[in-house]
N, C-alpha and C. Protein backbone atom coordinates (compact mmCIF):
# COMPACT_ATOMS: atom_id res chain seq x y z
N MET A 1 -10.19 44.87 -71.29
CA MET A 1 -10.15 43.68 -70.25
C MET A 1 -11.26 42.63 -70.69
N LEU A 2 -10.86 41.33 -70.48
CA LEU A 2 -11.94 40.64 -70.72
C LEU A 2 -12.28 39.70 -69.56
N PHE A 3 -13.76 39.37 -69.60
CA PHE A 3 -14.26 38.72 -68.45
C PHE A 3 -14.84 37.50 -69.23
N PHE A 4 -14.59 36.35 -68.31
CA PHE A 4 -14.96 35.11 -68.64
C PHE A 4 -16.21 34.57 -67.72
N LYS A 5 -17.30 34.35 -68.35
CA LYS A 5 -18.37 33.76 -67.71
C LYS A 5 -18.19 32.27 -67.31
N GLU A 6 -18.41 31.99 -66.11
CA GLU A 6 -17.94 31.03 -65.57
C GLU A 6 -19.09 29.86 -65.82
N LYS A 7 -18.75 28.74 -66.29
CA LYS A 7 -19.41 27.55 -66.73
C LYS A 7 -20.04 26.97 -65.89
N LYS A 8 -21.39 26.54 -66.00
CA LYS A 8 -22.27 26.00 -65.09
C LYS A 8 -22.61 24.61 -65.53
N VAL A 9 -22.76 23.53 -64.69
CA VAL A 9 -23.00 22.21 -65.12
C VAL A 9 -24.28 21.73 -64.12
N LEU A 10 -24.86 20.81 -64.77
CA LEU A 10 -25.73 19.91 -64.22
C LEU A 10 -25.00 18.61 -64.01
N ARG A 11 -24.78 18.02 -62.70
CA ARG A 11 -24.23 16.92 -62.53
C ARG A 11 -25.17 15.80 -62.58
N ALA A 12 -24.73 14.44 -62.43
CA ALA A 12 -25.48 13.06 -62.74
C ALA A 12 -26.20 13.10 -61.40
N VAL A 13 -27.40 12.90 -61.53
CA VAL A 13 -28.45 12.32 -60.31
C VAL A 13 -28.34 10.93 -59.87
N ALA A 14 -27.90 10.21 -60.75
CA ALA A 14 -27.67 8.81 -60.47
C ALA A 14 -26.47 8.18 -60.98
N LYS A 15 -26.15 6.86 -60.83
CA LYS A 15 -25.18 6.10 -61.25
C LYS A 15 -26.02 5.42 -62.42
N GLY A 16 -25.72 5.55 -63.65
CA GLY A 16 -26.41 4.71 -64.61
C GLY A 16 -25.75 5.36 -65.99
N GLN A 17 -26.62 4.85 -66.92
CA GLN A 17 -26.45 5.48 -68.45
C GLN A 17 -27.13 6.74 -68.75
N ILE A 18 -26.15 7.63 -69.25
CA ILE A 18 -26.79 8.99 -69.66
C ILE A 18 -27.19 8.75 -70.99
N ILE A 19 -28.29 9.18 -71.36
CA ILE A 19 -28.84 9.62 -72.54
C ILE A 19 -29.40 10.96 -73.07
N PRO A 20 -29.26 11.30 -74.20
CA PRO A 20 -29.76 12.83 -74.71
C PRO A 20 -31.36 12.75 -74.53
N LEU A 21 -31.79 13.80 -74.20
CA LEU A 21 -33.39 14.12 -74.23
C LEU A 21 -34.08 13.40 -75.24
N ALA A 22 -33.51 13.55 -76.54
CA ALA A 22 -34.21 12.82 -77.71
C ALA A 22 -34.57 11.46 -77.62
N ALA A 23 -33.70 10.75 -76.88
CA ALA A 23 -33.85 9.28 -76.70
C ALA A 23 -35.05 9.05 -75.63
N VAL A 24 -35.53 10.04 -75.03
CA VAL A 24 -36.48 9.64 -73.78
C VAL A 24 -37.81 9.53 -74.39
N LYS A 25 -38.66 8.09 -74.01
CA LYS A 25 -39.77 7.68 -74.36
C LYS A 25 -41.07 8.51 -74.12
N ASP A 26 -40.99 9.82 -73.87
CA ASP A 26 -42.18 10.79 -73.80
C ASP A 26 -41.69 12.15 -74.16
N GLN A 27 -42.75 12.58 -75.38
CA GLN A 27 -42.55 13.51 -76.28
C GLN A 27 -42.54 14.78 -75.48
N VAL A 28 -42.90 14.82 -74.34
CA VAL A 28 -42.90 16.32 -73.60
C VAL A 28 -41.22 16.72 -73.33
N PHE A 29 -40.52 15.61 -72.85
CA PHE A 29 -39.26 15.86 -72.80
C PHE A 29 -38.49 15.61 -73.86
N SER A 30 -38.67 14.50 -74.90
CA SER A 30 -37.89 14.62 -76.06
C SER A 30 -37.97 15.68 -76.98
N SER A 31 -38.99 16.24 -76.85
CA SER A 31 -39.26 17.62 -77.70
C SER A 31 -38.56 18.78 -77.12
N LYS A 32 -38.16 18.56 -75.77
CA LYS A 32 -37.46 19.80 -75.14
C LYS A 32 -38.72 20.96 -74.79
N MET A 33 -39.81 20.41 -74.64
CA MET A 33 -40.83 21.43 -74.14
C MET A 33 -40.48 21.81 -72.78
N MET A 34 -40.09 20.93 -71.93
CA MET A 34 -39.73 21.28 -70.73
C MET A 34 -38.40 21.85 -70.24
N GLY A 35 -37.56 22.15 -71.36
CA GLY A 35 -36.33 22.67 -71.10
C GLY A 35 -35.08 21.53 -71.81
N GLU A 36 -34.10 22.03 -71.51
CA GLU A 36 -32.64 21.31 -71.97
C GLU A 36 -32.18 20.43 -70.73
N GLY A 37 -31.58 19.55 -70.85
CA GLY A 37 -30.99 18.68 -70.02
C GLY A 37 -30.43 17.28 -70.29
N TYR A 38 -30.86 16.02 -69.72
CA TYR A 38 -30.52 14.84 -70.02
C TYR A 38 -31.23 14.08 -69.35
N ALA A 39 -31.08 12.62 -69.58
CA ALA A 39 -31.82 11.61 -68.81
C ALA A 39 -30.66 10.41 -68.55
N ILE A 40 -31.28 9.67 -67.52
CA ILE A 40 -30.53 8.51 -66.97
C ILE A 40 -31.22 7.24 -66.95
N ILE A 41 -30.80 6.06 -67.43
CA ILE A 41 -31.33 4.92 -67.58
C ILE A 41 -30.41 4.00 -66.77
N GLY A 42 -30.95 2.70 -66.56
CA GLY A 42 -30.18 1.72 -65.88
C GLY A 42 -29.56 2.01 -64.51
N HIS A 43 -30.30 2.80 -63.63
CA HIS A 43 -29.74 3.07 -62.38
C HIS A 43 -30.42 2.30 -61.39
N ASP A 44 -29.92 2.44 -60.03
CA ASP A 44 -30.34 1.91 -58.91
C ASP A 44 -31.36 2.23 -58.11
N GLY A 45 -31.90 3.22 -58.52
CA GLY A 45 -33.05 3.90 -57.82
C GLY A 45 -32.84 4.97 -56.89
N HIS A 46 -31.52 5.30 -56.61
CA HIS A 46 -31.17 6.47 -55.87
C HIS A 46 -31.00 7.76 -56.70
N VAL A 47 -31.73 8.82 -56.33
CA VAL A 47 -31.70 9.87 -57.24
C VAL A 47 -30.90 11.10 -56.14
N HIS A 48 -30.09 11.78 -56.68
CA HIS A 48 -29.35 12.77 -56.00
C HIS A 48 -29.43 14.10 -56.57
N SER A 49 -29.14 15.08 -55.84
CA SER A 49 -29.45 16.30 -56.50
C SER A 49 -28.17 16.64 -57.39
N PRO A 50 -28.62 17.35 -58.68
CA PRO A 50 -27.58 17.78 -59.70
C PRO A 50 -26.93 19.22 -59.44
N VAL A 51 -27.46 19.80 -58.54
CA VAL A 51 -26.84 21.08 -58.37
C VAL A 51 -26.98 21.57 -56.89
N GLU A 52 -26.25 22.59 -56.58
CA GLU A 52 -26.53 23.15 -55.13
C GLU A 52 -27.69 24.09 -55.13
N GLY A 53 -28.52 24.00 -54.08
CA GLY A 53 -29.62 24.80 -54.18
C GLY A 53 -30.60 24.75 -53.12
N MET A 54 -32.00 25.11 -53.47
CA MET A 54 -33.06 24.67 -52.34
C MET A 54 -34.11 23.91 -52.98
N ILE A 55 -34.56 23.02 -52.59
CA ILE A 55 -35.78 22.29 -52.66
C ILE A 55 -37.15 23.47 -52.80
N GLU A 56 -37.50 23.64 -54.05
CA GLU A 56 -38.64 24.65 -54.04
C GLU A 56 -40.16 23.70 -54.28
N ASN A 57 -40.07 22.52 -54.66
CA ASN A 57 -41.42 22.05 -54.93
C ASN A 57 -41.21 20.31 -54.91
N ILE A 58 -41.95 19.72 -54.32
CA ILE A 58 -42.11 18.19 -54.30
C ILE A 58 -43.54 17.97 -54.61
N PHE A 59 -43.75 17.09 -55.68
CA PHE A 59 -44.85 17.15 -56.26
C PHE A 59 -45.81 16.28 -55.54
N PRO A 60 -47.20 16.43 -55.26
CA PRO A 60 -47.94 15.46 -54.27
C PRO A 60 -47.99 14.16 -54.67
N THR A 61 -47.57 13.70 -56.09
CA THR A 61 -47.23 12.31 -56.19
C THR A 61 -45.86 11.84 -56.12
N TYR A 62 -45.12 12.55 -55.53
CA TYR A 62 -43.61 12.26 -55.44
C TYR A 62 -42.87 11.92 -56.69
N HIS A 63 -43.29 11.95 -57.83
CA HIS A 63 -42.53 11.56 -58.78
C HIS A 63 -41.71 12.55 -59.55
N ALA A 64 -41.67 14.02 -58.98
CA ALA A 64 -40.85 15.18 -59.42
C ALA A 64 -40.51 16.11 -58.24
N ILE A 65 -39.41 16.48 -58.32
CA ILE A 65 -38.69 17.47 -57.37
C ILE A 65 -38.10 18.80 -58.13
N THR A 66 -38.63 20.03 -57.83
CA THR A 66 -38.01 21.08 -58.36
C THR A 66 -36.98 21.67 -57.51
N ILE A 67 -35.84 22.08 -57.91
CA ILE A 67 -34.82 22.83 -57.27
C ILE A 67 -34.39 24.08 -57.94
N GLY A 68 -34.42 24.88 -56.95
CA GLY A 68 -33.89 26.14 -57.44
C GLY A 68 -32.33 26.42 -57.06
N SER A 69 -31.57 26.26 -58.31
CA SER A 69 -30.18 26.36 -58.03
C SER A 69 -29.57 27.66 -57.31
N LYS A 70 -28.48 27.58 -56.92
CA LYS A 70 -27.65 28.73 -56.32
C LYS A 70 -27.40 29.65 -57.30
N SER A 71 -27.18 29.24 -58.66
CA SER A 71 -27.12 30.23 -59.42
C SER A 71 -28.14 30.78 -60.44
N GLY A 72 -29.42 30.27 -59.79
CA GLY A 72 -30.73 30.79 -60.37
C GLY A 72 -31.71 30.22 -61.14
N GLU A 73 -31.04 29.09 -61.74
CA GLU A 73 -32.01 28.26 -62.61
C GLU A 73 -32.86 27.32 -61.97
N LYS A 74 -34.01 27.06 -62.54
CA LYS A 74 -34.99 26.17 -62.01
C LYS A 74 -34.59 24.69 -62.39
N VAL A 75 -34.34 23.61 -61.68
CA VAL A 75 -34.10 22.22 -62.28
C VAL A 75 -35.18 21.39 -61.84
N LEU A 76 -35.81 20.55 -62.74
CA LEU A 76 -36.95 19.30 -62.48
C LEU A 76 -35.96 18.11 -62.78
N ILE A 77 -36.42 17.61 -61.60
CA ILE A 77 -35.99 16.04 -61.51
C ILE A 77 -37.21 15.24 -61.72
N HIS A 78 -37.46 14.47 -62.67
CA HIS A 78 -38.67 13.96 -63.06
C HIS A 78 -38.28 12.29 -63.29
N MET A 79 -38.81 11.47 -62.15
CA MET A 79 -38.39 10.09 -61.86
C MET A 79 -39.62 9.28 -62.75
N GLY A 80 -39.21 8.76 -63.71
CA GLY A 80 -40.00 7.83 -64.46
C GLY A 80 -40.76 8.46 -65.30
N ILE A 81 -41.33 7.61 -66.28
CA ILE A 81 -42.35 8.05 -67.08
C ILE A 81 -43.80 7.51 -66.86
N ASP A 82 -44.67 8.60 -66.83
CA ASP A 82 -45.99 8.20 -66.38
C ASP A 82 -46.30 7.76 -65.17
N THR A 83 -45.21 7.94 -64.23
CA THR A 83 -45.14 7.58 -62.75
C THR A 83 -46.11 8.18 -62.06
N VAL A 84 -46.69 9.47 -62.48
CA VAL A 84 -47.70 10.24 -61.68
C VAL A 84 -48.79 9.31 -61.44
N GLU A 85 -49.16 8.39 -62.28
CA GLU A 85 -50.31 7.55 -62.12
C GLU A 85 -50.18 6.67 -61.01
N LEU A 86 -49.04 6.50 -60.46
CA LEU A 86 -48.87 5.66 -59.32
C LEU A 86 -49.17 6.19 -57.94
N LYS A 87 -49.18 7.52 -58.11
CA LYS A 87 -49.98 8.34 -56.67
C LYS A 87 -48.59 8.22 -55.48
N GLY A 88 -47.40 8.14 -55.94
CA GLY A 88 -46.47 8.25 -54.73
C GLY A 88 -46.01 6.96 -54.52
N ALA A 89 -46.69 5.79 -54.88
CA ALA A 89 -46.37 4.45 -54.16
C ALA A 89 -45.03 4.05 -54.31
N PRO A 90 -43.98 4.13 -55.48
CA PRO A 90 -42.70 3.59 -55.55
C PRO A 90 -41.72 4.76 -55.24
N PHE A 91 -42.07 5.70 -54.46
CA PHE A 91 -40.97 6.70 -54.19
C PHE A 91 -41.08 7.20 -52.64
N SER A 92 -39.68 7.19 -52.41
CA SER A 92 -39.44 7.59 -50.92
C SER A 92 -38.53 8.89 -50.88
N ILE A 93 -39.11 10.03 -50.49
CA ILE A 93 -38.49 11.30 -50.54
C ILE A 93 -37.79 11.58 -49.25
N HIS A 94 -36.45 11.89 -49.47
CA HIS A 94 -35.45 12.28 -48.29
C HIS A 94 -35.26 13.93 -48.09
N VAL A 95 -36.14 14.45 -48.71
CA VAL A 95 -35.80 15.86 -48.46
C VAL A 95 -37.27 16.93 -48.47
N THR A 96 -37.16 17.83 -47.89
CA THR A 96 -38.39 18.72 -47.47
C THR A 96 -38.51 20.21 -48.42
N THR A 97 -39.52 20.47 -48.88
CA THR A 97 -39.77 21.94 -49.43
C THR A 97 -38.87 22.90 -48.56
N GLY A 98 -38.03 23.73 -49.23
CA GLY A 98 -37.44 24.74 -48.41
C GLY A 98 -35.99 24.39 -47.86
N GLN A 99 -35.63 23.23 -48.09
CA GLN A 99 -34.27 22.37 -47.57
C GLN A 99 -33.41 22.83 -48.51
N LYS A 100 -32.08 23.27 -48.24
CA LYS A 100 -30.93 23.43 -48.91
C LYS A 100 -30.26 22.03 -49.16
N VAL A 101 -29.81 21.88 -50.45
CA VAL A 101 -29.11 20.65 -50.97
C VAL A 101 -27.82 21.26 -51.57
N HIS A 102 -27.11 20.17 -51.50
CA HIS A 102 -25.67 20.27 -52.27
C HIS A 102 -25.76 19.34 -53.28
N CYS A 103 -24.86 19.46 -54.21
CA CYS A 103 -24.62 18.47 -55.41
C CYS A 103 -24.38 17.14 -54.58
N GLY A 104 -25.12 16.34 -54.82
CA GLY A 104 -24.89 14.88 -54.49
C GLY A 104 -25.97 14.44 -53.11
N THR A 105 -26.70 15.52 -52.67
CA THR A 105 -27.60 15.06 -51.51
C THR A 105 -28.63 14.08 -52.28
N LEU A 106 -28.88 13.11 -51.30
CA LEU A 106 -29.91 12.15 -51.71
C LEU A 106 -31.24 12.81 -51.66
N LEU A 107 -31.94 12.99 -52.79
CA LEU A 107 -33.40 13.37 -52.76
C LEU A 107 -34.51 12.43 -52.46
N ALA A 108 -34.41 11.19 -53.16
CA ALA A 108 -35.16 10.20 -53.04
C ALA A 108 -34.70 9.08 -53.52
N GLU A 109 -35.77 7.82 -53.46
CA GLU A 109 -35.33 6.57 -53.93
C GLU A 109 -36.54 5.91 -54.63
N MET A 110 -36.33 5.25 -55.81
CA MET A 110 -37.46 4.77 -56.37
C MET A 110 -37.40 3.33 -56.39
N ASP A 111 -38.64 2.61 -55.97
CA ASP A 111 -38.59 1.19 -55.95
C ASP A 111 -38.76 0.54 -57.21
N LEU A 112 -37.70 0.30 -57.89
CA LEU A 112 -37.51 -0.29 -59.26
C LEU A 112 -38.57 -1.50 -59.41
N GLN A 113 -38.66 -2.24 -58.50
CA GLN A 113 -39.34 -3.59 -58.80
C GLN A 113 -40.94 -3.12 -58.76
N GLN A 114 -41.47 -2.00 -57.68
CA GLN A 114 -42.79 -1.79 -58.23
C GLN A 114 -42.99 -1.03 -59.55
N LEU A 115 -41.82 -0.37 -59.93
CA LEU A 115 -42.03 0.28 -61.36
C LEU A 115 -41.91 -0.83 -62.66
N VAL A 116 -41.32 -1.79 -62.41
CA VAL A 116 -41.43 -2.92 -63.07
C VAL A 116 -42.75 -3.67 -63.21
N GLU A 117 -43.39 -3.94 -62.04
CA GLU A 117 -44.72 -4.50 -61.67
C GLU A 117 -45.87 -3.69 -62.41
N ALA A 118 -45.54 -2.21 -62.38
CA ALA A 118 -46.50 -1.29 -62.80
C ALA A 118 -46.46 -1.04 -64.52
N LYS A 119 -45.46 -1.55 -64.93
CA LYS A 119 -45.06 -1.49 -66.27
C LYS A 119 -44.60 -0.04 -66.52
N LYS A 120 -43.99 0.35 -65.68
CA LYS A 120 -43.50 2.10 -66.13
C LYS A 120 -42.10 2.00 -66.30
N ASP A 121 -41.63 3.01 -66.93
CA ASP A 121 -40.26 3.23 -67.50
C ASP A 121 -39.54 3.99 -66.27
N ALA A 122 -38.40 3.69 -65.68
CA ALA A 122 -37.89 4.18 -64.53
C ALA A 122 -36.67 5.23 -65.10
N THR A 123 -36.75 5.75 -66.21
CA THR A 123 -35.74 6.79 -66.60
C THR A 123 -35.92 8.07 -65.79
N ILE A 124 -34.88 8.61 -65.30
CA ILE A 124 -34.87 9.90 -64.56
C ILE A 124 -34.31 10.91 -65.46
N ILE A 125 -35.34 11.97 -65.60
CA ILE A 125 -35.23 13.17 -66.39
C ILE A 125 -34.87 14.32 -65.73
N VAL A 126 -33.71 14.92 -66.06
CA VAL A 126 -33.11 16.22 -65.61
C VAL A 126 -33.41 17.44 -66.54
N VAL A 127 -34.14 18.42 -66.36
CA VAL A 127 -34.27 19.22 -67.46
C VAL A 127 -34.59 20.61 -66.51
N SER A 128 -34.27 21.82 -67.50
CA SER A 128 -34.23 23.21 -66.63
C SER A 128 -35.16 24.20 -67.93
N PRO A 129 -36.20 24.82 -67.80
CA PRO A 129 -36.73 25.57 -68.66
C PRO A 129 -35.97 26.90 -68.73
N ASP A 130 -34.98 27.31 -67.80
CA ASP A 130 -34.02 28.14 -67.96
C ASP A 130 -33.04 28.00 -68.82
N LEU A 131 -32.75 26.94 -69.38
CA LEU A 131 -31.70 26.51 -69.99
C LEU A 131 -31.98 26.41 -71.58
N SER A 132 -31.38 27.53 -72.40
CA SER A 132 -31.70 27.60 -73.92
C SER A 132 -30.46 27.07 -74.57
N LYS A 133 -29.38 27.35 -74.28
CA LYS A 133 -28.16 26.86 -74.92
C LYS A 133 -27.14 26.11 -74.08
N GLY A 134 -26.64 25.01 -74.34
CA GLY A 134 -25.95 24.16 -73.56
C GLY A 134 -25.38 23.23 -74.22
N LYS A 135 -24.63 22.18 -73.82
CA LYS A 135 -24.10 21.24 -74.28
C LYS A 135 -24.21 19.91 -73.15
N LEU A 136 -24.61 18.76 -73.93
CA LEU A 136 -24.35 17.33 -73.23
C LEU A 136 -23.02 17.20 -73.27
N LEU A 137 -22.34 16.62 -72.06
CA LEU A 137 -20.91 16.52 -71.88
C LEU A 137 -20.64 14.88 -72.05
N LYS A 138 -21.59 14.21 -71.84
CA LYS A 138 -21.47 12.52 -72.38
C LYS A 138 -22.59 12.03 -72.78
N THR A 139 -22.54 11.05 -73.57
CA THR A 139 -23.90 10.23 -73.95
C THR A 139 -23.67 8.99 -74.11
N ASN A 140 -24.76 8.24 -73.71
CA ASN A 140 -24.81 6.75 -74.12
C ASN A 140 -23.74 6.15 -73.37
N GLN A 141 -23.25 6.59 -72.22
CA GLN A 141 -22.05 6.06 -71.54
C GLN A 141 -22.43 6.12 -70.01
N GLN A 142 -21.75 5.29 -69.31
CA GLN A 142 -21.77 5.19 -67.51
C GLN A 142 -21.47 6.51 -67.17
N VAL A 143 -22.38 7.15 -66.08
CA VAL A 143 -21.86 8.07 -65.12
C VAL A 143 -21.98 7.73 -63.90
N SER A 144 -21.26 8.45 -62.92
CA SER A 144 -21.55 8.16 -61.48
C SER A 144 -22.08 9.53 -60.97
N ILE A 145 -22.42 9.39 -59.62
CA ILE A 145 -22.89 10.73 -58.83
C ILE A 145 -21.80 11.87 -58.96
N GLN A 146 -22.61 12.96 -59.38
CA GLN A 146 -21.75 14.21 -59.51
C GLN A 146 -20.99 14.30 -60.73
N ASP A 147 -20.92 13.41 -61.74
CA ASP A 147 -20.08 13.56 -62.93
C ASP A 147 -20.96 14.74 -63.39
N ASP A 148 -19.90 15.55 -64.28
CA ASP A 148 -20.75 16.60 -65.14
C ASP A 148 -21.32 16.02 -66.11
N CYS A 149 -22.61 16.30 -66.39
CA CYS A 149 -23.39 15.74 -67.60
C CYS A 149 -23.71 16.71 -68.65
N TYR A 150 -24.15 18.14 -68.18
CA TYR A 150 -24.67 19.18 -69.12
C TYR A 150 -24.02 20.60 -68.61
N GLN A 151 -23.34 21.24 -69.51
CA GLN A 151 -22.77 22.33 -69.33
C GLN A 151 -23.34 23.54 -70.12
N PHE A 152 -23.71 24.69 -69.34
CA PHE A 152 -24.57 25.84 -69.76
C PHE A 152 -23.83 27.01 -69.57
């Protein structure tokens, strides 16, 4: 008897252009030190959950959110590059620690104008230290909320 393992996916967190982690302008993410995943550029600033799960952590500077997925993986949504330096100013968080979320739940909004004025990159990075093998399903193309982006 054969058993097939169910494929799991990270969905798009924003409407924009998906890029591989290797193209991210931050070596911590581009070298995959934080895990596998993808990034989105050219978005409208609305950040949605890529998985069903529970909010485990909202960083004090609001630039990152960790979700414990229903299937057990930890997923980090990192909003912008070097945005920790802005001490939360360009972010509006719409969830709380311990809150259950579904794919597509609005997590946060990024004030893109504030990021431009602060000369910060608005790339949204989605990674999981629990993923070692998987594949990017789309690259360098437009995605919409909840499009499948990374399969593991």
